Amino acid sequence: MDDAAILAGLEEIIRELFDDYDGPVTPALAAADVEQWDSLANVQLMVLAERTFAVRFTTAEISGLANLGELAALIRAKQG
């Protein structure tokens, strides 16, 4: 799966989780950019991403992510 397809899937997840967020969903999007994106929402985001893309993340991988671009790259790497 290419980056554009992964980002499109992540955008669907973001729009579902954060229904009050109507800003752009780009690789640079980070938790600080979305008011509703707290630690619980981050867990929900990761679970939905794992289900959507059929991958599994470690805690260390999740804690090191700075934005959606890094999450997309991690998903692409896991899909091999």
N, C-alpha and C. Protein backbone atom coordinates (compact mmCIF):
# COMPACT_ATOMS: atom_id res chain seq x y z
N MET A 1 0.86 -1.17 0.00
CA MET A 1 0.00 0.00 0.00
C MET A 1 0.90 1.23 0.00
N ASP A 2 0.58 2.21 -0.84
CA ASP A 2 1.42 3.41 -0.92
C ASP A 2 1.00 4.45 0.13
N ASP A 3 1.82 5.48 0.27
CA ASP A 3 1.60 6.50 1.29
C ASP A 3 0.26 7.21 1.13
N ALA A 4 -0.15 7.47 -0.10
CA ALA A 4 -1.42 8.17 -0.33
C ALA A 4 -2.60 7.34 0.15
N ALA A 5 -2.56 6.04 -0.10
CA ALA A 5 -3.64 5.15 0.34
C ALA A 5 -3.65 5.03 1.86
N ILE A 6 -2.48 4.96 2.46
CA ILE A 6 -2.40 4.88 3.92
C ILE A 6 -2.92 6.17 4.54
N LEU A 7 -2.51 7.31 4.00
CA LEU A 7 -2.97 8.59 4.53
C LEU A 7 -4.48 8.75 4.36
N ALA A 8 -5.02 8.26 3.26
CA ALA A 8 -6.47 8.31 3.05
C ALA A 8 -7.19 7.48 4.11
N GLY A 9 -6.65 6.30 4.42
CA GLY A 9 -7.23 5.47 5.47
C GLY A 9 -7.13 6.13 6.83
N LEU A 10 -5.99 6.77 7.10
CA LEU A 10 -5.82 7.48 8.36
C LEU A 10 -6.77 8.68 8.45
N GLU A 11 -7.01 9.33 7.32
CA GLU A 11 -7.95 10.45 7.34
C GLU A 11 -9.34 9.98 7.72
N GLU A 12 -9.77 8.85 7.20
CA GLU A 12 -11.08 8.30 7.59
C GLU A 12 -11.15 8.06 9.09
N ILE A 13 -10.08 7.51 9.64
CA ILE A 13 -10.03 7.26 11.09
C ILE A 13 -10.08 8.57 11.86
N ILE A 14 -9.29 9.55 11.44
CA ILE A 14 -9.26 10.85 12.12
C ILE A 14 -10.64 11.50 12.08
N ARG A 15 -11.28 11.48 10.93
CA ARG A 15 -12.62 12.10 10.80
C ARG A 15 -13.65 11.38 11.67
N GLU A 16 -13.50 10.06 11.81
CA GLU A 16 -14.43 9.30 12.65
C GLU A 16 -14.19 9.59 14.13
N LEU A 17 -12.94 9.59 14.54
CA LEU A 17 -12.60 9.80 15.95
C LEU A 17 -12.84 11.23 16.42
N PHE A 18 -12.45 12.17 15.60
CA PHE A 18 -12.50 13.58 15.98
C PHE A 18 -13.52 14.32 15.13
N ASP A 19 -14.80 14.08 15.39
CA ASP A 19 -15.84 14.65 14.54
C ASP A 19 -15.89 16.17 14.61
N ASP A 20 -15.31 16.79 15.62
CA ASP A 20 -15.28 18.25 15.69
C ASP A 20 -14.11 18.85 14.90
N TYR A 21 -13.17 18.00 14.47
CA TYR A 21 -12.01 18.49 13.73
C TYR A 21 -12.34 18.54 12.24
N ASP A 22 -12.26 19.74 11.66
CA ASP A 22 -12.55 19.86 10.23
C ASP A 22 -11.36 20.43 9.46
N GLY A 23 -10.20 20.41 10.09
CA GLY A 23 -8.99 20.91 9.44
C GLY A 23 -8.40 19.89 8.49
N PRO A 24 -7.30 20.24 7.88
CA PRO A 24 -6.65 19.35 6.93
C PRO A 24 -6.00 18.16 7.63
N VAL A 25 -6.03 17.02 6.97
CA VAL A 25 -5.35 15.83 7.47
C VAL A 25 -4.16 15.60 6.54
N THR A 26 -2.99 15.97 7.04
CA THR A 26 -1.75 15.89 6.27
C THR A 26 -0.73 15.07 7.06
N PRO A 27 0.37 14.70 6.43
CA PRO A 27 1.41 13.97 7.17
C PRO A 27 1.92 14.75 8.39
N ALA A 28 1.83 16.06 8.38
CA ALA A 28 2.34 16.88 9.49
C ALA A 28 1.37 16.97 10.67
N LEU A 29 0.15 16.45 10.51
CA LEU A 29 -0.84 16.55 11.58
C LEU A 29 -0.36 15.81 12.83
N ALA A 30 -0.43 16.50 13.98
CA ALA A 30 0.01 15.93 15.25
C ALA A 30 -1.08 16.13 16.31
N ALA A 31 -0.94 15.45 17.42
CA ALA A 31 -1.92 15.51 18.49
C ALA A 31 -2.18 16.95 18.95
N ALA A 32 -1.17 17.76 18.98
CA ALA A 32 -1.31 19.14 19.42
C ALA A 32 -2.21 19.97 18.50
N ASP A 33 -2.43 19.49 17.28
CA ASP A 33 -3.24 20.21 16.31
C ASP A 33 -4.73 19.95 16.45
N VAL A 34 -5.10 18.93 17.22
CA VAL A 34 -6.50 18.52 17.34
C VAL A 34 -6.90 18.56 18.81
N GLU A 35 -7.84 19.42 19.14
CA GLU A 35 -8.23 19.63 20.53
C GLU A 35 -8.64 18.34 21.24
N GLN A 36 -9.36 17.46 20.56
CA GLN A 36 -9.87 16.23 21.17
C GLN A 36 -8.82 15.13 21.30
N TRP A 37 -7.65 15.30 20.71
CA TRP A 37 -6.63 14.25 20.64
C TRP A 37 -5.84 14.20 21.95
N ASP A 38 -6.36 13.44 22.88
CA ASP A 38 -5.68 13.23 24.16
C ASP A 38 -5.12 11.82 24.21
N SER A 39 -4.67 11.38 25.38
CA SER A 39 -4.04 10.06 25.47
C SER A 39 -5.02 8.92 25.18
N LEU A 40 -6.26 9.06 25.62
CA LEU A 40 -7.26 8.02 25.33
C LEU A 40 -7.56 7.97 23.84
N ALA A 41 -7.71 9.13 23.23
CA ALA A 41 -7.96 9.18 21.79
C ALA A 41 -6.78 8.60 21.01
N ASN A 42 -5.57 8.79 21.54
CA ASN A 42 -4.40 8.24 20.86
C ASN A 42 -4.44 6.71 20.87
N VAL A 43 -4.85 6.12 21.99
CA VAL A 43 -4.99 4.67 22.06
C VAL A 43 -6.04 4.20 21.06
N GLN A 44 -7.16 4.90 21.02
CA GLN A 44 -8.23 4.54 20.07
C GLN A 44 -7.74 4.65 18.63
N LEU A 45 -6.99 5.69 18.33
CA LEU A 45 -6.44 5.87 16.99
C LEU A 45 -5.54 4.71 16.61
N MET A 46 -4.68 4.30 17.53
CA MET A 46 -3.76 3.21 17.23
C MET A 46 -4.49 1.88 17.05
N VAL A 47 -5.50 1.63 17.86
CA VAL A 47 -6.28 0.39 17.72
C VAL A 47 -7.00 0.38 16.38
N LEU A 48 -7.61 1.50 16.01
CA LEU A 48 -8.29 1.57 14.71
C LEU A 48 -7.31 1.42 13.55
N ALA A 49 -6.13 2.01 13.68
CA ALA A 49 -5.11 1.89 12.63
C ALA A 49 -4.65 0.43 12.51
N GLU A 50 -4.47 -0.24 13.65
CA GLU A 50 -4.07 -1.65 13.60
C GLU A 50 -5.13 -2.49 12.90
N ARG A 51 -6.38 -2.25 13.21
CA ARG A 51 -7.47 -3.01 12.58
C ARG A 51 -7.59 -2.69 11.09
N THR A 52 -7.53 -1.42 10.76
CA THR A 52 -7.70 -0.98 9.37
C THR A 52 -6.60 -1.52 8.46
N PHE A 53 -5.37 -1.48 8.96
CA PHE A 53 -4.23 -1.83 8.12
C PHE A 53 -3.64 -3.21 8.42
N ALA A 54 -4.28 -3.96 9.32
CA ALA A 54 -3.85 -5.32 9.67
C ALA A 54 -2.38 -5.37 10.10
N VAL A 55 -2.03 -4.49 11.03
CA VAL A 55 -0.68 -4.45 11.59
C VAL A 55 -0.79 -4.41 13.11
N ARG A 56 0.34 -4.59 13.79
CA ARG A 56 0.41 -4.48 15.25
C ARG A 56 1.58 -3.56 15.59
N PHE A 57 1.34 -2.67 16.57
CA PHE A 57 2.38 -1.74 17.01
C PHE A 57 2.84 -2.11 18.41
N THR A 58 4.10 -1.85 18.68
CA THR A 58 4.60 -1.98 20.04
C THR A 58 4.43 -0.64 20.74
N THR A 59 4.49 -0.67 22.05
CA THR A 59 4.38 0.57 22.82
C THR A 59 5.51 1.53 22.46
N ALA A 60 6.69 1.00 22.28
CA ALA A 60 7.85 1.84 21.93
C ALA A 60 7.64 2.51 20.57
N GLU A 61 7.08 1.79 19.62
CA GLU A 61 6.82 2.38 18.30
C GLU A 61 5.81 3.52 18.41
N ILE A 62 4.76 3.29 19.16
CA ILE A 62 3.71 4.31 19.31
C ILE A 62 4.24 5.55 20.01
N SER A 63 5.00 5.35 21.07
CA SER A 63 5.48 6.50 21.85
C SER A 63 6.48 7.35 21.07
N GLY A 64 7.09 6.80 20.05
CA GLY A 64 8.05 7.56 19.27
C GLY A 64 7.48 8.33 18.10
N LEU A 65 6.17 8.22 17.87
CA LEU A 65 5.56 8.88 16.71
C LEU A 65 5.29 10.35 16.98
N ALA A 66 5.66 11.21 16.04
CA ALA A 66 5.46 12.65 16.20
C ALA A 66 4.26 13.17 15.42
N ASN A 67 3.87 12.47 14.34
CA ASN A 67 2.78 12.97 13.50
C ASN A 67 2.24 11.84 12.62
N LEU A 68 1.23 12.16 11.82
CA LEU A 68 0.62 11.13 10.96
C LEU A 68 1.56 10.62 9.89
N GLY A 69 2.47 11.45 9.44
CA GLY A 69 3.43 11.01 8.44
C GLY A 69 4.30 9.87 8.98
N GLU A 70 4.71 10.00 10.23
CA GLU A 70 5.52 8.94 10.84
C GLU A 70 4.68 7.69 11.06
N LEU A 71 3.41 7.86 11.42
CA LEU A 71 2.52 6.71 11.57
C LEU A 71 2.33 6.01 10.23
N ALA A 72 2.14 6.78 9.17
CA ALA A 72 1.97 6.19 7.83
C ALA A 72 3.23 5.42 7.42
N ALA A 73 4.40 5.97 7.70
CA ALA A 73 5.66 5.29 7.37
C ALA A 73 5.80 3.99 8.17
N LEU A 74 5.39 4.01 9.42
CA LEU A 74 5.45 2.81 10.26
C LEU A 74 4.50 1.74 9.71
N ILE A 75 3.31 2.15 9.32
CA ILE A 75 2.34 1.20 8.74
C ILE A 75 2.91 0.59 7.46
N ARG A 76 3.46 1.43 6.60
CA ARG A 76 4.04 0.94 5.33
C ARG A 76 5.16 -0.05 5.61
N ALA A 77 6.01 0.24 6.58
CA ALA A 77 7.13 -0.65 6.92
C ALA A 77 6.60 -1.98 7.47
N LYS A 78 5.57 -1.93 8.27
CA LYS A 78 5.01 -3.15 8.86
C LYS A 78 4.33 -4.02 7.82
N GLN A 79 3.76 -3.38 6.82
CA GLN A 79 3.09 -4.14 5.77
C GLN A 79 4.11 -4.79 4.82
N GLY A 80 5.34 -4.32 4.91
CA GLY A 80 6.45 -4.93 4.19
C GLY A 80 6.38 -4.80 2.73
